[in-house]
């Protein structure tokens, strides 16, 4: 799992969509932690309490019953365990917030009826009305919930906690809502990022989150669901509806493929269904607002201008135009594709998008070496650009070596030397290092391209290994060079 996350973070630099995947993953983990961590801790605590009682029963408890002539049966064990856990729970309140709040309400009601009500009459001279009871109960519970992370993130309409407009969407009312949101978010962002760009798309999402919280809070008092205004509001249903609407409509009508529109509709229906039937009462109002946000998303999809295309995309458009123009000539098509990939790769490399650049250059340069007749000058200039030490391309030494050998066979020694020297800078395996050294030395001497450098390379071959065919060939070339 950690390796997966590290890989995604590394790739995120080159693939903006990866950031959305990481964001969705973090959202999933965070919600699971909030939901299940208290229950897990409480379960462990219960098990420890039962184990402590079992130890006590084995060492002391059973003997006490035996000492008074009572056989310590399983039924007696269970009864004593229940009594022990009851006392334990009185001293150790539940860790699950919902259970703790329910217990606090029961305790407060008991206190109110057995003395609290009278205390207000005698000490404060207040009439113990139901309204006063609810106010004091809320204060009592809030003293507990203010210490909990999740209750500082929720948006509770009655409390008017405006700062929660920035955080309420980090938590979800249930597992189904979370899965629907993550699926819909990743689905829509895949298209909106390509259409608008990574930052504008995510910025619109964040804006829709805040707008959704504001509109929900402002309109709730005018609805039937205002009676649930003391409940926490959370989740990203309204922002998801806006994204789904935007993804299903572009500036030019009828250009969005029908499967995308249908999928957006399915996500919208599922989210509304879960909010209406599964989530607490307050989310019925969310269901009513969802179509409004979906419609707003459709309008946004129609009006939002597209992002400016990158150099890579412009090169691809240029390639597509060339291919369309020369669709009847497969050789010209392959040449055009190779050059377009090389140009796009070099452009991506200059923008530090090295993963994309490497993939494009491997494809384009390999195709360039297979052309006939060979474009020698373009090949030499491309090889010279690719071996620039400022470009951190993720191309293996074996690939550079293979290209160098091919360029040698094609009789382009300048390009071959550049490619082999590049392989030499990153190769670790001694056998391949010696092979590269030998080929570089041979080419420099044969074609008089800094032959002294070639002699040094051949001497290095012998230095690294003096008892094989490669060393013998290097010695032979050095002897020939000496006699000239």
Protein backbone atom coordinates (compact mmCIF):
# COMPACT_ATOMS: atom_id res chain seq x y z
CA UNK A 1 0.00 0.00 0.00
CA UNK A 2 2.81 2.42 0.92
CA UNK A 3 4.60 1.61 -2.35
CA UNK A 4 1.38 2.34 -4.25
CA UNK A 5 1.01 5.72 -2.55
CA UNK A 6 4.66 6.60 -3.17
CA UNK A 7 4.30 5.70 -6.85
CA UNK A 8 1.15 7.79 -7.19
CA UNK A 9 2.82 10.82 -5.59
CA UNK A 10 5.79 10.45 -7.94
CA UNK A 11 3.51 10.24 -10.96
CA UNK A 12 1.33 13.13 -9.77
CA UNK A 13 3.92 15.60 -11.00
CA UNK A 14 3.32 14.46 -14.55
CA UNK A 15 -0.31 13.36 -14.42
CA UNK A 16 -2.59 15.93 -12.70
CA UNK A 17 -5.41 13.39 -12.48
CA UNK A 18 -3.27 11.41 -10.04
CA UNK A 19 -3.81 14.18 -7.49
CA UNK A 20 -7.56 13.54 -7.70
CA UNK A 21 -6.97 9.83 -7.08
CA UNK A 22 -4.82 10.62 -4.05
CA UNK A 23 -7.43 13.07 -2.78
CA UNK A 24 -10.21 10.49 -3.10
CA UNK A 25 -8.06 7.87 -1.38
CA UNK A 26 -7.28 10.23 1.50
CA UNK A 27 -10.99 11.09 1.83
CA UNK A 28 -11.86 7.40 2.01
CA UNK A 29 -9.22 6.65 4.65
CA UNK A 30 -10.18 9.69 6.73
CA UNK A 31 -13.87 8.77 6.83
CA UNK A 32 -13.15 5.14 7.65
CA UNK A 33 -10.92 6.30 10.50
CA UNK A 34 -13.60 8.61 11.90
CA UNK A 35 -16.31 5.94 11.62
CA UNK A 36 -14.51 2.87 12.88
CA UNK A 37 -11.67 3.98 15.14
CA UNK A 38 -13.92 4.58 18.21
CA UNK A 39 -15.70 1.26 17.70
CA UNK A 40 -12.43 -0.62 17.33
CA UNK A 41 -10.96 1.00 20.43
CA UNK A 42 -14.13 0.28 22.37
CA UNK A 43 -14.11 -3.34 21.21
CA UNK A 44 -10.51 -3.73 22.39
CA UNK A 45 -11.42 -2.12 25.71
CA UNK A 46 -14.38 -4.49 26.17
CA UNK A 47 -12.18 -7.49 25.43
CA UNK A 48 -9.58 -6.33 27.95
CA UNK A 49 -12.30 -5.89 30.59
CA UNK A 50 -13.69 -9.39 29.95
CA UNK A 51 -10.18 -10.87 30.06
CA UNK A 52 -9.49 -9.15 33.37
CA UNK A 53 -12.71 -10.57 34.79
CA UNK A 54 -11.84 -14.04 33.48
CA UNK A 55 -8.47 -13.84 35.24
CA UNK A 56 -10.16 -12.66 38.44
CA UNK A 57 -12.73 -15.47 38.22
CA UNK A 58 -10.04 -18.11 37.76
CA UNK A 59 -7.89 -16.85 40.64
CA UNK A 60 -10.42 -15.56 43.17
CA UNK A 61 -14.03 -15.33 42.01
CA UNK A 62 -14.86 -19.03 41.62
CA UNK A 63 -13.17 -19.85 44.94
CA UNK A 64 -15.41 -17.37 46.80
CA UNK A 65 -18.50 -19.26 45.64
CA UNK A 66 -16.95 -22.61 46.47
CA UNK A 67 -16.08 -21.40 49.99
CA UNK A 68 -19.79 -20.87 50.74
CA UNK A 69 -20.81 -24.18 49.20
CA UNK A 70 -22.00 -22.93 45.80
CA UNK A 71 -20.76 -24.56 42.59
CA UNK A 72 -19.44 -21.79 40.25
CA UNK A 73 -21.45 -22.70 37.13
CA UNK A 74 -21.44 -21.02 33.72
CA UNK A 75 -24.70 -19.25 34.54
CA UNK A 76 -23.20 -17.73 37.69
CA UNK A 77 -20.11 -16.72 35.71
CA UNK A 78 -22.24 -14.89 33.15
CA UNK A 79 -24.31 -13.14 35.82
CA UNK A 80 -21.19 -11.95 37.62
CA UNK A 81 -19.67 -10.84 34.32
CA UNK A 82 -22.75 -8.75 33.55
CA UNK A 83 -22.55 -7.08 36.98
CA UNK A 84 -18.82 -6.45 36.52
CA UNK A 85 -19.29 -4.90 33.07
CA UNK A 86 -22.15 -2.76 34.34
CA UNK A 87 -19.92 -1.24 37.01
CA UNK A 88 -17.10 -0.96 34.47
CA UNK A 89 -19.33 0.97 32.03
CA UNK A 90 -20.43 3.34 34.77
CA UNK A 91 -16.81 4.31 35.30
CA UNK A 92 -15.86 4.17 31.61
CA UNK A 93 -18.36 5.89 29.26
CA UNK A 94 -18.65 4.64 25.64
CA UNK A 95 -15.99 5.73 23.15
CA UNK A 96 -18.43 5.74 20.21
CA UNK A 97 -19.80 9.31 20.06
CA UNK A 98 -23.37 8.31 19.19
CA UNK A 99 -23.54 5.88 22.11
CA UNK A 100 -21.97 8.40 24.47
CA UNK A 101 -24.44 11.12 23.46
CA UNK A 102 -27.39 8.74 23.95
CA UNK A 103 -26.06 7.89 27.42
CA UNK A 104 -25.60 11.57 28.24
CA UNK A 105 -29.20 12.31 27.26
CA UNK A 106 -30.44 9.55 29.57
CA UNK A 107 -28.24 10.74 32.43
CA UNK A 108 -29.30 14.33 31.95
CA UNK A 109 -33.00 13.39 31.95
CA UNK A 110 -32.52 11.45 35.19
CA UNK A 111 -30.70 14.39 36.77
CA UNK A 112 -33.35 16.82 35.56
CA UNK A 113 -36.20 14.82 37.05
CA UNK A 114 -34.45 14.01 40.33
CA UNK A 115 -33.13 17.44 41.28
CA UNK A 116 -31.99 19.50 38.37
CA UNK A 117 -35.41 21.00 37.71
CA UNK A 118 -35.81 22.00 41.35
CA UNK A 119 -32.31 23.48 41.35
CA UNK A 120 -33.30 25.96 38.64
CA UNK A 121 -36.38 26.97 40.61
CA UNK A 122 -34.62 27.47 43.94
CA UNK A 123 -31.24 28.91 42.88
CA UNK A 124 -32.00 30.72 39.65
CA UNK A 125 -35.71 31.40 39.88
CA UNK A 126 -36.33 30.02 36.38
CA UNK A 127 -39.39 28.12 35.32
CA UNK A 128 -38.24 24.60 34.26
CA UNK A 129 -39.84 24.60 30.81
CA UNK A 130 -39.15 22.15 27.99
CA UNK A 131 -37.35 24.91 26.10
CA UNK A 132 -35.00 25.44 29.06
CA UNK A 133 -34.46 21.69 29.29
CA UNK A 134 -33.44 21.49 25.63
CA UNK A 135 -31.10 24.48 25.98
CA UNK A 136 -29.31 23.01 28.98
CA UNK A 137 -29.18 19.56 27.38
CA UNK A 138 -27.57 21.08 24.28
CA UNK A 139 -24.95 22.83 26.42
CA UNK A 140 -24.26 19.58 28.27
CA UNK A 141 -23.77 17.59 25.09
CA UNK A 142 -21.84 20.37 23.34
CA UNK A 143 -19.28 20.31 26.14
CA UNK A 144 -18.50 16.76 25.00
CA UNK A 145 -18.82 17.13 21.22
CA UNK A 146 -16.59 20.22 21.11
CA UNK A 147 -13.70 17.91 22.00
CA UNK A 148 -14.36 15.62 19.01
CA UNK A 149 -12.75 16.26 15.62
CA UNK A 150 -15.77 15.27 13.57
CA UNK A 151 -18.14 17.56 15.47
CA UNK A 152 -15.86 20.48 14.68
CA UNK A 153 -16.10 19.64 10.97
CA UNK A 154 -19.88 19.12 10.72
CA UNK A 155 -22.17 21.92 9.61
CA UNK A 156 -25.07 22.11 12.07
CA UNK A 157 -27.59 24.65 10.71
CA UNK A 158 -29.03 25.62 14.12
CA UNK A 159 -25.62 26.50 15.51
CA UNK A 160 -24.61 28.73 12.61
CA UNK A 161 -21.01 27.48 12.63
CA UNK A 162 -19.97 29.33 9.48
CA UNK A 163 -16.39 28.03 9.56
CA UNK A 164 -17.77 24.53 8.96
CA UNK A 165 -18.66 25.59 5.40
CA UNK A 166 -15.00 24.87 4.62
CA UNK A 167 -14.91 21.44 6.24
CA UNK A 168 -18.35 19.79 6.34
CA UNK A 169 -17.78 18.00 3.02
CA UNK A 170 -14.78 16.07 4.36
CA UNK A 171 -17.14 13.74 6.23
CA UNK A 172 -20.00 11.67 4.84
CA UNK A 173 -23.23 10.43 6.41
CA UNK A 174 -22.63 6.82 5.38
CA UNK A 175 -20.49 4.34 3.47
CA UNK A 176 -22.76 4.28 0.41
CA UNK A 177 -22.67 8.07 0.12
CA UNK A 178 -18.88 8.02 0.32
CA UNK A 179 -18.52 5.38 -2.41
CA UNK A 180 -20.95 7.17 -4.72
CA UNK A 181 -19.15 10.47 -4.22
CA UNK A 182 -15.68 9.01 -4.86
CA UNK A 183 -16.86 7.17 -7.97
CA UNK A 184 -18.69 10.20 -9.35
CA UNK A 185 -15.90 12.61 -8.43
CA UNK A 186 -13.18 10.57 -10.17
CA UNK A 187 -15.43 9.94 -13.17
CA UNK A 188 -16.34 13.59 -13.73
CA UNK A 189 -12.89 14.97 -12.94
CA UNK A 190 -11.36 12.71 -15.57
CA UNK A 191 -13.27 14.63 -18.24
CA UNK A 192 -13.39 18.07 -16.63
CA UNK A 193 -9.62 18.11 -16.03
CA UNK A 194 -9.04 17.51 -19.74
CA UNK A 195 -11.66 20.10 -20.66
CA UNK A 196 -10.87 22.91 -18.18
CA UNK A 197 -7.47 22.04 -16.72
CA UNK A 198 -6.53 20.51 -13.37
CA UNK A 199 -6.58 23.62 -11.16
CA UNK A 200 -9.73 25.24 -12.63
CA UNK A 201 -11.63 21.95 -12.35
CA UNK A 202 -10.66 21.43 -8.72
CA UNK A 203 -11.27 25.10 -7.98
CA UNK A 204 -14.81 24.82 -9.30
CA UNK A 205 -15.31 21.74 -7.13
CA UNK A 206 -14.20 23.62 -4.00
CA UNK A 207 -16.35 26.59 -4.95
CA UNK A 208 -19.38 24.33 -5.40
CA UNK A 209 -18.74 22.82 -1.95
CA UNK A 210 -18.90 26.22 -0.24
CA UNK A 211 -21.81 27.37 -2.39
CA UNK A 212 -23.68 24.15 -1.58
CA UNK A 213 -23.26 24.70 2.15
CA UNK A 214 -24.41 28.32 1.93
CA UNK A 215 -27.49 27.59 -0.18
CA UNK A 216 -28.42 24.63 2.02
CA UNK A 217 -28.17 26.72 5.20
CA UNK A 218 -30.06 29.69 3.76
CA UNK A 219 -32.95 27.71 2.25
CA UNK A 220 -33.41 25.07 4.97
CA UNK A 221 -35.47 27.33 7.31
CA UNK A 222 -38.12 27.70 4.59
CA UNK A 223 -38.63 23.97 4.21
CA UNK A 224 -40.35 21.12 6.01
CA UNK A 225 -36.92 19.76 6.94
CA UNK A 226 -36.11 22.70 9.21
CA UNK A 227 -37.27 20.54 12.13
CA UNK A 228 -34.02 18.58 11.70
CA UNK A 229 -31.79 21.68 11.75
CA UNK A 230 -30.03 20.48 14.90
CA UNK A 231 -28.63 17.50 13.00
CA UNK A 232 -25.18 17.59 11.35
CA UNK A 233 -25.02 18.24 7.62
CA UNK A 234 -22.09 16.69 5.75
CA UNK A 235 -21.02 15.11 2.48
CA UNK A 236 -20.50 16.30 -1.08
CA UNK A 237 -23.83 15.48 -2.71
CA UNK A 238 -24.55 19.02 -3.95
CA UNK A 239 -21.06 19.60 -5.36
CA UNK A 240 -21.14 16.15 -6.96
CA UNK A 241 -24.45 17.01 -8.64
CA UNK A 242 -22.89 20.16 -10.10
CA UNK A 243 -19.88 18.19 -11.41
CA UNK A 244 -22.14 15.56 -12.94
CA UNK A 245 -24.15 18.25 -14.73
CA UNK A 246 -21.00 19.94 -16.02
CA UNK A 247 -19.53 16.66 -17.28
CA UNK A 248 -22.71 15.81 -19.19
CA UNK A 249 -22.70 19.03 -21.24
CA UNK A 250 -20.06 20.88 -23.29
CA UNK A 251 -20.02 24.30 -24.95
CA UNK A 252 -20.95 22.66 -28.23
CA UNK A 253 -24.17 20.71 -27.88
CA UNK A 254 -24.39 16.99 -28.57
CA UNK A 255 -20.61 16.51 -28.40
CA UNK A 256 -20.57 14.59 -25.11
CA UNK A 257 -20.82 10.83 -25.82
CA UNK A 258 -24.08 9.27 -24.69
CA UNK A 259 -22.40 6.70 -22.35
CA UNK A 260 -20.93 9.59 -20.35
CA UNK A 261 -24.32 11.27 -20.03
CA UNK A 262 -25.96 8.00 -18.98
CA UNK A 263 -23.24 7.34 -16.37
CA UNK A 264 -23.68 10.84 -14.93
CA UNK A 265 -27.41 10.17 -14.67
CA UNK A 266 -26.80 6.87 -12.85
CA UNK A 267 -24.53 8.52 -10.28
CA UNK A 268 -27.08 11.30 -9.75
CA UNK A 269 -29.94 8.82 -9.27
CA UNK A 270 -27.95 6.65 -6.83
CA UNK A 271 -26.91 9.64 -4.73
CA UNK A 272 -30.48 10.96 -4.53
CA UNK A 273 -31.82 7.50 -3.70
CA UNK A 274 -29.35 7.01 -0.83
CA UNK A 275 -30.02 10.50 0.56
CA UNK A 276 -33.78 9.95 0.51
CA UNK A 277 -33.93 6.38 1.83
CA UNK A 278 -30.74 5.63 3.81
CA UNK A 279 -29.30 8.85 5.23
CA UNK A 280 -30.87 10.72 8.19
CA UNK A 281 -33.90 12.97 7.80
CA UNK A 282 -31.99 16.18 7.07
CA UNK A 283 -30.74 14.67 3.81
CA UNK A 284 -34.23 14.60 2.37
CA UNK A 285 -33.75 18.32 1.75
CA UNK A 286 -30.41 17.57 0.07
CA UNK A 287 -32.31 15.32 -2.33
CA UNK A 288 -34.61 18.21 -3.25
CA UNK A 289 -31.66 20.56 -3.90
CA UNK A 290 -29.69 18.05 -5.97
CA UNK A 291 -31.55 18.62 -9.30
CA UNK A 292 -31.00 22.38 -8.90
CA UNK A 293 -27.24 21.89 -8.64
CA UNK A 294 -27.28 19.39 -11.50
CA UNK A 295 -28.99 21.97 -13.69
CA UNK A 296 -26.47 24.60 -12.61
CA UNK A 297 -23.72 22.21 -13.64
CA UNK A 298 -25.26 21.85 -17.09
CA UNK A 299 -25.25 25.64 -17.48
CA UNK A 300 -21.64 25.76 -16.29
CA UNK A 301 -20.68 23.08 -18.81
CA UNK A 302 -22.20 25.18 -21.57
CA UNK A 303 -20.54 28.43 -20.52
CA UNK A 304 -17.11 27.45 -19.15
CA UNK A 305 -14.36 28.14 -21.74
CA UNK A 306 -11.93 25.29 -22.49
CA UNK A 307 -8.34 25.44 -21.29
CA UNK A 308 -5.43 26.29 -23.56
CA UNK A 309 -3.86 23.20 -25.08
CA UNK A 310 -0.33 22.14 -24.12
CA UNK A 311 2.54 21.83 -26.58
CA UNK A 312 2.07 18.09 -26.57
CA UNK A 313 -1.61 18.35 -27.47
CA UNK A 314 -0.91 20.93 -30.17
CA UNK A 315 1.70 18.57 -31.61
CA UNK A 316 -0.81 15.73 -31.50
CA UNK A 317 -3.40 17.89 -33.29
CA UNK A 318 -0.78 18.74 -35.87
CA UNK A 319 0.00 15.06 -36.26
CA UNK A 320 -3.66 14.18 -36.66
CA UNK A 321 -4.02 16.84 -39.34
CA UNK A 322 -1.01 15.49 -41.20
CA UNK A 323 -2.27 11.93 -40.90
CA UNK A 324 -5.67 12.94 -42.18
CA UNK A 325 -4.10 14.78 -45.10
CA UNK A 326 -1.81 11.85 -45.97
CA UNK A 327 -4.09 9.01 -45.02
CA UNK A 328 -3.44 7.35 -48.38
CA UNK A 329 0.35 7.17 -47.86
CA UNK A 330 1.28 4.84 -44.95
CA UNK A 331 5.01 5.61 -45.22
CA UNK A 332 4.42 9.35 -44.99
CA UNK A 333 2.00 8.71 -42.14
CA UNK A 334 4.62 6.78 -40.15
CA UNK A 335 7.24 9.48 -40.77
CA UNK A 336 4.88 12.22 -39.69
CA UNK A 337 3.90 10.30 -36.56
CA UNK A 338 7.55 9.69 -35.58
CA UNK A 339 8.47 13.36 -35.94
CA UNK A 340 5.37 14.52 -34.11
CA UNK A 341 6.16 12.18 -31.23
CA UNK A 342 9.77 13.38 -31.10
CA UNK A 343 8.73 17.04 -31.15
CA UNK A 344 6.11 16.46 -28.46
CA UNK A 345 8.59 14.44 -26.40
CA UNK A 346 11.29 17.12 -26.53
CA UNK A 347 8.69 19.77 -25.66
CA UNK A 348 7.49 17.72 -22.69
CA UNK A 349 11.09 17.17 -21.56
CA UNK A 350 11.78 20.91 -21.64
CA UNK A 351 8.74 21.33 -19.36
CA UNK A 352 10.15 18.70 -16.95
CA UNK A 353 7.41 16.19 -17.84
CA UNK A 354 10.00 13.44 -18.11
CA UNK A 355 7.76 10.38 -17.91
CA UNK A 356 5.59 11.58 -20.79
CA UNK A 357 8.69 12.73 -22.70
CA UNK A 358 10.43 9.38 -22.30
CA UNK A 359 7.46 7.44 -23.60
CA UNK A 360 7.09 9.69 -26.66
CA UNK A 361 10.81 9.76 -27.46
CA UNK A 362 11.22 5.99 -27.21
CA UNK A 363 8.40 5.48 -29.68
CA UNK A 364 9.38 8.29 -32.05
CA UNK A 365 13.15 7.77 -32.11
CA UNK A 366 12.84 4.00 -32.56
CA UNK A 367 10.59 4.61 -35.56
CA UNK A 368 13.04 7.21 -36.92
CA UNK A 369 15.88 4.68 -36.93
CA UNK A 370 13.79 2.27 -39.00
CA UNK A 371 13.07 4.72 -41.84
CA UNK A 372 14.42 4.20 -45.33
CA UNK A 373 15.99 6.27 -46.65
CA UNK A 374 17.30 7.56 -43.35
CA UNK A 375 17.00 11.27 -42.57
CA UNK A 376 20.60 11.52 -41.38
CA UNK A 377 20.70 15.20 -40.41
CA UNK A 378 17.42 15.04 -38.47
CA UNK A 379 18.61 11.85 -36.77
CA UNK A 380 21.91 13.46 -35.68
CA UNK A 381 20.25 16.64 -34.40
CA UNK A 382 17.58 14.67 -32.52
CA UNK A 383 20.14 12.41 -30.85
CA UNK A 384 22.16 15.47 -29.83
CA UNK A 385 19.09 17.04 -28.21
CA UNK A 386 18.06 13.85 -26.43
CA UNK A 387 21.43 13.31 -24.72
CA UNK A 388 21.37 16.79 -23.18
CA UNK A 389 22.48 16.24 -19.54
CA UNK A 390 19.80 18.66 -18.36
CA UNK A 391 17.05 16.28 -19.47
CA UNK A 392 16.39 13.59 -16.88
CA UNK A 393 14.69 11.11 -19.19
CA UNK A 394 13.60 7.78 -17.80
CA UNK A 395 15.13 5.70 -20.60
CA UNK A 396 17.14 2.59 -19.77
CA UNK A 397 20.80 2.19 -20.63
CA UNK A 398 19.92 -0.88 -22.69
CA UNK A 399 17.65 1.28 -24.87
CA UNK A 400 20.40 3.86 -25.43
CA UNK A 401 22.83 1.05 -26.26
CA UNK A 402 20.40 -0.53 -28.69
CA UNK A 403 19.87 2.82 -30.44
CA UNK A 404 23.63 3.35 -30.62
CA UNK A 405 24.18 -0.06 -32.21
CA UNK A 406 21.40 0.59 -34.72
CA UNK A 407 22.84 4.00 -35.63
CA UNK A 408 26.21 2.30 -36.14
CA UNK A 409 24.64 -0.21 -38.51
CA UNK A 410 22.91 2.67 -40.34
CA UNK A 411 26.31 4.36 -40.76
CA UNK A 412 25.55 7.46 -38.67
CA UNK A 413 28.60 7.47 -36.36
CA UNK A 414 28.00 10.93 -34.84
CA UNK A 415 24.55 9.92 -33.57
CA UNK A 416 25.81 6.47 -32.57
CA UNK A 417 28.58 7.93 -30.40
CA UNK A 418 26.18 10.33 -28.67
CA UNK A 419 23.75 7.52 -27.90
CA UNK A 420 26.45 5.12 -26.69
CA UNK A 421 28.05 7.79 -24.49
CA UNK A 422 24.63 8.38 -22.95
CA UNK A 423 24.25 4.65 -22.26
CA UNK A 424 27.67 4.67 -20.64
CA UNK A 425 26.68 7.39 -18.14
CA UNK A 426 23.88 5.34 -16.61
CA UNK A 427 24.90 1.70 -17.16
CA UNK A 428 26.03 -0.26 -14.08
CA UNK A 429 26.58 -3.76 -15.47
CA UNK A 430 30.25 -4.21 -16.35
CA UNK A 431 29.71 -6.33 -19.47
CA UNK A 432 27.46 -3.67 -21.05
CA UNK A 433 29.82 -0.89 -19.95
CA UNK A 434 32.73 -2.61 -21.74
CA UNK A 435 30.59 -3.19 -24.81
CA UNK A 436 29.67 0.50 -24.95
CA UNK A 437 33.29 1.56 -24.42
CA UNK A 438 34.49 -0.69 -27.20
CA UNK A 439 31.91 0.52 -29.73
CA UNK A 440 32.63 4.18 -28.89
CA UNK A 441 36.38 3.65 -29.24
CA UNK A 442 35.96 1.77 -32.52
CA UNK A 443 33.71 4.48 -34.01
CA UNK A 444 35.95 7.37 -32.98
CA UNK A 445 39.05 5.74 -34.46
CA UNK A 446 37.39 4.47 -37.63
CA UNK A 447 35.69 7.79 -38.49
CA UNK A 448 38.39 10.07 -37.01
CA UNK A 449 36.00 11.62 -34.52
CA UNK A 450 38.39 12.59 -31.71
CA UNK A 451 40.43 9.39 -32.08
CA UNK A 452 42.42 10.09 -28.89
CA UNK A 453 39.16 9.82 -26.95
CA UNK A 454 38.56 6.54 -28.76
CA UNK A 455 41.97 5.23 -27.67
CA UNK A 456 41.12 6.04 -24.03
CA UNK A 457 37.85 4.14 -24.34
CA UNK A 458 39.62 1.06 -25.73
CA UNK A 459 42.23 1.17 -23.00
CA UNK A 460 39.41 1.28 -20.45
CA UNK A 461 37.95 -1.87 -22.02
CA UNK A 462 41.22 -3.69 -21.42
CA UNK A 463 41.56 -2.26 -17.92
CA UNK A 464 38.15 -3.64 -16.92
CA UNK A 465 38.85 -7.10 -18.35
CA UNK A 466 41.93 -8.43 -20.13
CA UNK A 467 41.04 -12.04 -20.90
CA UNK A 468 38.15 -12.15 -23.36
CA UNK A 469 37.41 -11.59 -27.04
CA UNK A 470 36.36 -7.96 -26.48
CA UNK A 471 39.72 -7.16 -24.89
CA UNK A 472 41.54 -8.93 -27.72
CA UNK A 473 39.67 -6.87 -30.32
CA UNK A 474 40.43 -3.67 -28.42
CA UNK A 475 44.14 -4.54 -28.32
CA UNK A 476 44.10 -5.24 -32.05
CA UNK A 477 42.56 -1.83 -32.78
CA UNK A 478 45.09 -0.11 -30.54
CA UNK A 479 47.99 -1.88 -32.32
CA UNK A 480 46.64 -0.82 -35.70
CA UNK A 481 46.36 2.74 -34.44
CA UNK A 482 49.95 2.66 -33.17
CA UNK A 483 51.35 1.48 -36.55
CA UNK A 484 49.53 4.22 -38.47
